[in-house]
Protein backbone atom coordinates (compact mmCIF):
# COMPACT_ATOMS: atom_id res chain seq x y z
CA UNK A 1 0.00 0.00 0.00
CA UNK A 2 1.44 3.45 -0.89
CA UNK A 3 1.75 6.24 1.65
CA UNK A 4 -1.43 8.01 0.53
CA UNK A 5 -3.56 4.91 1.02
CA UNK A 6 -1.85 4.40 4.37
CA UNK A 7 -2.79 7.95 5.45
CA UNK A 8 -6.37 7.41 4.28
CA UNK A 9 -6.55 4.26 6.39
CA UNK A 10 -5.27 6.09 9.48
CA UNK A 11 -7.72 8.95 8.90
CA UNK A 12 -10.66 6.61 8.50
CA UNK A 13 -9.72 4.70 11.64
CA UNK A 14 -9.08 7.85 13.68
CA UNK A 15 -12.48 9.25 12.71
CA UNK A 16 -14.01 6.14 14.22
CA UNK A 17 -14.89 4.35 11.02
CA UNK A 18 -14.68 0.58 11.07
CA UNK A 19 -11.60 -0.82 9.38
CA UNK A 20 -13.85 -2.63 6.91
CA UNK A 21 -15.05 0.82 5.75
CA UNK A 22 -11.53 1.98 4.91
CA UNK A 23 -10.40 1.55 1.32
CA UNK A 24 -8.25 -1.37 2.40
CA UNK A 25 -7.79 -2.86 5.83
CA UNK A 26 -4.26 -2.21 7.01
CA UNK A 27 -3.10 -3.61 10.33
CA UNK A 28 -0.17 -1.19 10.54
CA UNK A 29 -2.57 1.74 10.14
CA UNK A 30 -4.79 0.32 12.88
CA UNK A 31 -1.80 -0.01 15.20
CA UNK A 32 -0.69 3.57 14.50
CA UNK A 33 -4.19 4.91 15.18
CA UNK A 34 -4.48 2.85 18.37
CA UNK A 35 -1.25 4.26 19.75
CA UNK A 36 -2.71 7.76 19.73
CA UNK A 37 -5.63 6.78 21.97
CA UNK A 38 -6.10 6.55 25.76
CA UNK A 39 -5.39 3.32 27.68
CA UNK A 40 -7.68 0.40 26.97
CA UNK A 41 -9.96 -1.30 29.49
CA UNK A 42 -11.10 -4.87 28.77
CA UNK A 43 -13.45 -7.09 30.76
CA UNK A 44 -13.99 -10.85 30.61
CA UNK A 45 -15.42 -13.51 32.90
CA UNK A 46 -12.08 -15.34 33.03
CA UNK A 47 -9.00 -14.21 34.90
CA UNK A 48 -6.96 -15.04 31.81
CA UNK A 49 -8.00 -11.63 30.44
CA UNK A 50 -5.35 -10.01 32.64
CA UNK A 51 -2.62 -12.04 30.98
CA UNK A 52 -4.06 -11.32 27.53
CA UNK A 53 -4.22 -7.57 28.13
CA UNK A 54 -0.67 -7.44 29.48
CA UNK A 55 0.68 -9.36 26.49
CA UNK A 56 -1.29 -7.15 24.09
CA UNK A 57 0.09 -3.98 25.67
CA UNK A 58 3.66 -5.28 25.48
CA UNK A 59 3.28 -6.38 21.87
CA UNK A 60 1.92 -3.10 20.55
CA UNK A 61 3.43 -0.56 22.94
CA UNK A 62 0.06 0.42 24.41
CA UNK A 63 -1.53 0.57 27.84
CA UNK A 64 -4.26 -1.97 28.50
CA UNK A 65 -5.92 -3.36 31.62
CA UNK A 66 -7.80 -6.63 31.72
CA UNK A 67 -10.26 -7.29 34.54
CA UNK A 68 -12.22 -10.40 35.45
CA UNK A 69 -15.90 -9.54 35.81
CA UNK A 70 -19.03 -11.69 35.64
CA UNK A 71 -21.21 -11.40 32.56
CA UNK A 72 -24.15 -9.94 34.49
CA UNK A 73 -21.96 -7.21 35.97
CA UNK A 74 -20.54 -6.38 32.54
CA UNK A 75 -24.01 -6.00 31.08
CA UNK A 76 -25.14 -3.69 33.86
CA UNK A 77 -21.95 -1.64 33.70
CA UNK A 78 -22.09 -1.10 29.95
CA UNK A 79 -25.73 -0.01 29.99
CA UNK A 80 -25.16 2.36 32.89
CA UNK A 81 -22.00 3.89 31.39
CA UNK A 82 -23.50 4.46 27.94
CA UNK A 83 -26.71 5.92 29.33
CA UNK A 84 -24.76 8.32 31.55
CA UNK A 85 -22.32 9.28 28.81
CA UNK A 86 -19.41 8.27 31.02
CA UNK A 87 -17.98 5.27 29.18
CA UNK A 88 -15.03 3.65 30.93
CA UNK A 89 -15.30 0.17 29.41
CA UNK A 90 -13.81 -0.23 25.93
CA UNK A 91 -14.03 -3.95 25.15
CA UNK A 92 -16.27 -6.53 26.74
CA UNK A 93 -15.98 -10.29 26.34
CA UNK A 94 -19.31 -11.61 27.61
CA UNK A 95 -19.88 -15.33 28.16
CA UNK A 96 -23.62 -14.84 27.67
CA UNK A 97 -24.42 -14.41 23.99
CA UNK A 98 -28.23 -14.35 24.38
CA UNK A 99 -28.09 -11.59 26.99
CA UNK A 100 -25.76 -9.52 24.82
CA UNK A 101 -28.06 -10.03 21.84
CA UNK A 102 -31.14 -9.24 23.89
CA UNK A 103 -29.87 -6.26 25.87
CA UNK A 104 -26.82 -4.62 24.31
CA UNK A 105 -26.85 -4.97 20.54
CA UNK A 106 -30.47 -4.05 19.72
CA UNK A 107 -30.26 -0.72 21.56
CA UNK A 108 -26.77 0.15 20.36
CA UNK A 109 -24.99 -0.06 23.69
CA UNK A 110 -22.20 -1.97 21.97
CA UNK A 111 -21.21 -3.20 18.52
CA UNK A 112 -19.67 -6.29 17.02
CA UNK A 113 -16.64 -5.96 14.74
CA UNK A 114 -15.01 -8.72 12.71
CA UNK A 115 -11.36 -8.25 11.63
CA UNK A 116 -11.57 -8.04 7.82
CA UNK A 117 -8.26 -9.84 7.24
CA UNK A 118 -9.35 -12.79 9.41
CA UNK A 119 -12.98 -13.08 8.38
CA UNK A 120 -12.46 -16.02 6.02
CA UNK A 121 -10.93 -18.06 8.83
CA UNK A 122 -13.79 -17.33 11.21
CA UNK A 123 -16.69 -19.76 11.15
CA UNK A 124 -19.64 -18.09 9.37
CA UNK A 125 -21.98 -18.75 12.29
CA UNK A 126 -19.55 -16.95 14.61
CA UNK A 127 -19.37 -13.65 12.71
CA UNK A 128 -22.62 -11.92 13.64
CA UNK A 129 -22.08 -11.19 16.43
CA UNK A 130 -18.40 -12.10 16.66
CA UNK A 131 -17.85 -15.05 18.96
CA UNK A 132 -14.34 -15.01 20.38
CA UNK A 133 -14.23 -18.49 21.89
CA UNK A 134 -16.48 -21.37 22.79
CA UNK A 135 -16.09 -23.18 26.10
CA UNK A 136 -16.92 -26.90 25.88
CA UNK A 137 -18.97 -28.32 28.74
CA UNK A 138 -18.48 -32.05 28.44
CA UNK A 139 -19.53 -35.28 30.08
CA UNK A 140 -16.80 -36.62 32.33
CA UNK A 141 -16.22 -39.76 34.38
CA UNK A 142 -13.78 -40.94 37.04
CA UNK A 143 -10.88 -42.84 35.50
CA UNK A 144 -9.97 -44.29 38.91
CA UNK A 145 -13.34 -46.04 39.09
CA UNK A 146 -14.10 -46.82 35.45
CA UNK A 147 -11.85 -48.12 32.67
CA UNK A 148 -13.92 -46.12 30.16
CA UNK A 149 -16.92 -43.85 30.15
CA UNK A 150 -19.81 -45.83 31.69
CA UNK A 151 -22.43 -44.38 29.35
CA UNK A 152 -22.72 -44.49 25.58
CA UNK A 153 -26.02 -42.62 25.13
CA UNK A 154 -27.27 -39.50 26.91
CA UNK A 155 -30.64 -41.13 27.56
CA UNK A 156 -28.85 -43.47 29.99
CA UNK A 157 -28.52 -40.45 32.30
CA UNK A 158 -32.29 -40.64 32.76
CA UNK A 159 -32.28 -44.29 33.87
CA UNK A 160 -32.53 -45.61 37.47
CA UNK A 161 -28.85 -46.61 37.51
CA UNK A 162 -27.89 -42.93 37.35
CA UNK A 163 -30.55 -41.54 39.65
CA UNK A 164 -28.85 -38.91 41.79
CA UNK A 165 -25.51 -39.79 40.20
CA UNK A 166 -25.20 -37.04 37.58
CA UNK A 167 -23.51 -33.81 38.70
CA UNK A 168 -24.06 -30.54 36.87
CA UNK A 169 -24.62 -26.88 37.56
CA UNK A 170 -28.13 -25.86 38.49
CA UNK A 171 -30.02 -24.60 35.41
CA UNK A 172 -31.92 -22.21 37.68
CA UNK A 173 -28.67 -20.38 38.41
CA UNK A 174 -26.65 -21.03 35.25
CA UNK A 175 -28.32 -19.63 32.10
CA UNK A 176 -25.93 -21.48 29.78
CA UNK A 177 -27.74 -24.68 30.74
CA UNK A 178 -31.17 -23.40 29.74
CA UNK A 179 -29.52 -22.09 26.57
CA UNK A 180 -28.24 -25.63 26.01
CA UNK A 181 -31.77 -26.98 26.31
CA UNK A 182 -33.05 -24.46 23.78
CA UNK A 183 -30.11 -25.04 21.44
CA UNK A 184 -30.82 -28.79 21.50
CA UNK A 185 -34.47 -28.20 20.69
CA UNK A 186 -33.61 -25.71 17.94
CA UNK A 187 -30.72 -27.52 16.28
CA UNK A 188 -30.50 -31.15 17.41
CA UNK A 189 -33.97 -32.34 18.33
CA UNK A 190 -33.98 -34.98 15.60
CA UNK A 191 -30.68 -36.32 16.93
CA UNK A 192 -32.07 -36.50 20.48
CA UNK A 193 -35.04 -38.49 19.16
CA UNK A 194 -32.79 -40.78 17.11
CA UNK A 195 -30.59 -41.44 20.16
CA UNK A 196 -33.68 -42.54 22.10
CA UNK A 197 -34.60 -44.99 19.36
CA UNK A 198 -31.02 -46.29 19.22
CA UNK A 199 -31.01 -46.88 22.97
CA UNK A 200 -34.43 -48.47 23.38
CA UNK A 201 -35.20 -49.90 19.96
CA UNK A 202 -38.41 -47.96 19.53
CA UNK A 203 -39.47 -44.48 18.53
CA UNK A 204 -39.92 -41.91 21.24
CA UNK A 205 -43.54 -41.42 22.26
CA UNK A 206 -43.99 -38.46 24.55
CA UNK A 207 -46.56 -36.01 25.84
CA UNK A 208 -44.00 -33.27 25.37
CA UNK A 209 -43.72 -31.10 22.28
CA UNK A 210 -40.19 -32.18 21.42
CA UNK A 211 -37.65 -34.91 22.06
CA UNK A 212 -35.48 -32.37 23.86
CA UNK A 213 -38.25 -31.53 26.29
CA UNK A 214 -38.79 -35.23 26.94
CA UNK A 215 -35.07 -35.68 27.65
CA UNK A 216 -34.81 -32.62 29.90
CA UNK A 217 -37.90 -33.67 31.84
CA UNK A 218 -36.53 -37.20 32.33
CA UNK A 219 -33.11 -35.90 33.35
CA UNK A 220 -34.64 -33.52 35.89
CA UNK A 221 -36.88 -36.26 37.27
CA UNK A 222 -33.82 -38.46 37.82
CA UNK A 223 -32.57 -36.08 40.51
CA UNK A 224 -29.13 -34.97 39.31
CA UNK A 225 -26.79 -33.47 41.89
CA UNK A 226 -27.03 -29.73 41.25
CA UNK A 227 -24.06 -27.52 42.10
CA UNK A 228 -23.26 -23.83 42.08
CA UNK A 229 -19.98 -24.22 40.18
CA UNK A 230 -18.07 -26.33 37.70
CA UNK A 231 -15.53 -27.02 40.42
CA UNK A 232 -18.14 -28.62 42.64
CA UNK A 233 -19.54 -30.68 39.75
CA UNK A 234 -16.04 -31.91 38.87
CA UNK A 235 -15.27 -32.67 42.52
CA UNK A 236 -18.32 -34.93 42.76
CA UNK A 237 -17.01 -36.93 39.82
CA UNK A 238 -13.29 -37.24 40.38
CA UNK A 239 -11.93 -35.69 43.56
CA UNK A 240 -9.23 -37.77 45.31
CA UNK A 241 -10.76 -40.61 47.29
CA UNK A 242 -14.12 -40.35 45.52
CA UNK A 243 -15.88 -43.71 45.56
CA UNK A 244 -19.33 -42.78 44.24
CA UNK A 245 -19.71 -43.59 40.51
CA UNK A 246 -20.81 -40.17 39.29
CA UNK A 247 -20.89 -38.86 35.75
CA UNK A 248 -20.73 -35.08 35.44
CA UNK A 249 -21.15 -32.28 32.97
CA UNK A 250 -18.19 -29.95 33.49
CA UNK A 251 -16.12 -27.34 31.70
CA UNK A 252 -13.09 -28.59 29.81
CA UNK A 253 -11.09 -26.13 31.92
CA UNK A 254 -11.69 -28.31 34.99
CA UNK A 255 -9.48 -31.04 33.55
CA UNK A 256 -6.46 -29.00 34.57
CA UNK A 257 -7.36 -30.10 38.11
CA UNK A 258 -6.14 -33.59 37.18
CA UNK A 259 -2.70 -32.18 37.76
CA UNK A 260 -3.36 -29.29 40.08
CA UNK A 261 -5.72 -31.07 42.48
CA UNK A 262 -5.03 -34.74 41.70
CA UNK A 263 -8.47 -35.22 40.13
CA UNK A 264 -9.09 -38.20 37.84
CA UNK A 265 -11.40 -36.74 35.21
CA UNK A 266 -11.83 -38.56 31.92
CA UNK A 267 -13.67 -37.30 28.86
CA UNK A 268 -16.72 -39.29 27.79
CA UNK A 269 -16.14 -39.74 24.07
CA UNK A 270 -18.54 -41.23 21.53
CA UNK A 271 -21.72 -40.68 23.54
CA UNK A 272 -24.78 -40.66 21.28
CA UNK A 273 -25.69 -38.04 20.06
CA UNK A 274 -23.49 -35.45 21.84
CA UNK A 275 -20.90 -35.38 24.60
CA UNK A 276 -21.86 -31.90 25.77
CA UNK A 277 -22.34 -28.35 24.58
CA UNK A 278 -20.35 -25.18 24.03
CA UNK A 279 -20.99 -21.91 25.81
CA UNK A 280 -19.78 -19.04 23.63
CA UNK A 281 -18.20 -15.70 24.51
CA UNK A 282 -19.13 -12.70 22.38
CA UNK A 283 -16.67 -9.85 21.85
CA UNK A 284 -18.13 -6.34 21.84
CA UNK A 285 -16.84 -2.79 21.52
CA UNK A 286 -18.71 -0.38 23.77
CA UNK A 287 -20.49 2.58 22.19
CA UNK A 288 -18.74 5.84 23.04
CA UNK A 289 -15.33 4.36 23.77
CA UNK A 290 -12.56 6.92 23.38
CA UNK A 291 -10.23 4.18 22.14
CA UNK A 292 -12.13 2.69 19.17
CA UNK A 293 -9.04 1.70 17.25
CA UNK A 294 -7.26 0.17 20.23
CA UNK A 295 -10.50 -1.74 20.87
CA UNK A 296 -10.52 -3.08 17.31
CA UNK A 297 -6.85 -3.94 17.59
CA UNK A 298 -7.54 -5.94 20.74
CA UNK A 299 -10.38 -7.78 19.01
CA UNK A 300 -7.97 -8.59 16.17
CA UNK A 301 -5.34 -9.78 18.64
CA UNK A 302 -7.83 -12.00 20.48
CA UNK A 303 -8.72 -13.74 17.23
CA UNK A 304 -5.12 -14.88 16.68
CA UNK A 305 -3.36 -17.93 18.12
CA UNK A 306 -0.99 -15.69 20.07
CA UNK A 307 -3.75 -13.59 21.55
CA UNK A 308 -6.08 -16.36 22.66
CA UNK A 309 -3.34 -18.72 23.88
CA UNK A 310 -4.03 -18.19 27.62
CA UNK A 311 -7.65 -19.31 27.15
CA UNK A 312 -6.82 -22.09 24.69
CA UNK A 313 -4.82 -23.72 27.46
CA UNK A 314 -8.15 -24.22 29.26
CA UNK A 315 -9.76 -25.93 26.30
CA UNK A 316 -11.54 -22.83 25.01
CA UNK A 317 -11.91 -23.05 21.25
CA UNK A 318 -11.23 -20.02 19.08
CA UNK A 319 -13.79 -19.15 16.40
CA UNK A 320 -10.79 -18.68 14.13
CA UNK A 321 -10.67 -22.10 12.50
CA UNK A 322 -6.94 -21.79 11.78
CA UNK A 323 -6.23 -21.65 15.54
CA UNK A 324 -5.91 -25.08 17.14
CA UNK A 325 -5.98 -26.07 20.78
CA UNK A 326 -2.51 -26.80 22.21
CA UNK A 327 -1.37 -30.41 22.07
CA UNK A 328 -1.10 -30.57 25.86
CA UNK A 329 -4.61 -29.25 26.57
CA UNK A 330 -5.63 -31.61 29.39
CA UNK A 331 -9.19 -32.64 28.46
CA UNK A 332 -8.40 -33.95 24.98
CA UNK A 333 -11.57 -32.32 23.64
CA UNK A 334 -9.76 -31.20 20.47
CA UNK A 335 -10.23 -34.68 19.04
CA UNK A 336 -13.96 -34.66 19.80
CA UNK A 337 -15.21 -31.18 18.92
CA UNK A 338 -17.57 -32.65 16.33
CA UNK A 339 -19.35 -34.43 19.18
CA UNK A 340 -19.97 -31.21 21.10
CA UNK A 341 -23.14 -29.23 20.34
CA UNK A 342 -21.64 -25.96 19.11
CA UNK A 343 -23.40 -22.75 20.09
CA UNK A 344 -25.37 -21.27 17.18
CA UNK A 345 -26.21 -17.56 17.68
CA UNK A 346 -28.84 -17.66 14.92
CA UNK A 347 -31.29 -18.66 17.66
CA UNK A 348 -29.69 -16.52 20.35
CA UNK A 349 -32.79 -14.36 20.73
CA UNK A 350 -34.89 -17.49 21.18
CA UNK A 351 -32.45 -18.67 23.87
CA UNK A 352 -32.88 -15.31 25.58
CA UNK A 353 -36.66 -15.21 25.33
CA UNK A 354 -37.21 -18.79 26.53
CA UNK A 355 -34.90 -18.81 29.55
CA UNK A 356 -37.71 -18.34 32.03
CA UNK A 357 -39.80 -20.99 30.27
CA UNK A 358 -36.99 -23.53 30.50
CA UNK A 359 -36.32 -22.67 34.13
CA UNK A 360 -39.99 -23.19 34.95
CA UNK A 361 -39.96 -26.45 33.00
CA UNK A 362 -36.91 -27.68 34.94
CA UNK A 363 -38.40 -26.63 38.27
CA UNK A 364 -41.64 -28.48 37.56
CA UNK A 365 -39.87 -31.70 36.60
CA UNK A 366 -36.96 -31.78 39.04
CA UNK A 367 -37.13 -34.45 41.72
CA UNK A 368 -34.55 -34.86 44.46
């Protein structure tokens, strides 16, 4: 690119135009524009954001602060700051796509931006809004008790053998679980029905409106052990000295406790029709930020292997398909991503609008 085009790119970026609106996207121009802006503030629900922000600042010669903050707090903060005209948050990584789609994007509190030079590597379903990573929540078993996963079909979790022996976070307190229910009904209901037929040799006959609802009702009625954290769910499965034969639904990140806390978690592979689900994190730039170019640069950085490395170590999967999980990622989920129900934001608004319905449905069917 000649110097005139380079100056045009800087001007367009400095005026607050998206890089995709410039004549050509130029990373060097974006970096130059970012360096003229105030320090960047980034929030995420994982503590790894501190490491990411520090590495970003060192790489580009900028100032950036990463802070761990729950999704609900981020949502409230962004709305309050934009409404008051006192925006302090520049970039927000929110591990609650439906809430972001239902509360922030429609009213213009924040915007999604996809790096133009990386767009072809980003899965189409992860571009609008931009999903930074997906966090697999996968079925796990205790390798000290079982030689292999003791189930081969998710409908087995509804059988008497597993009554009270499935650990998972409480759907009444963890929206990603009600989102999972709705995602199954929206995108995998036929597979849930087929898995029932494969397990029992007959077609599913149910009073419920979908196979997913029948499964969720049966799971709830089987009295799973409900926890307030992934850590507690993983502990029930594979803490040292555990003798109860639990199966659990836990984050891939918990598998690092196999080394750190002497857990014995094993991934349940080849369970029909899925081994779990992914909870996605959406990346947003806050309306009114005084560092729009630094914000875009951070989004670009997070979509690279270098930028997302601290989260990839925990089994979080980049939406950039050219970025692989590290070979030593402890869960081994990289070899089984096709068995995980990937989050599809095309029904994100439905996930948002039906949360209360699914919570009520779970409450009505849950039996201790």
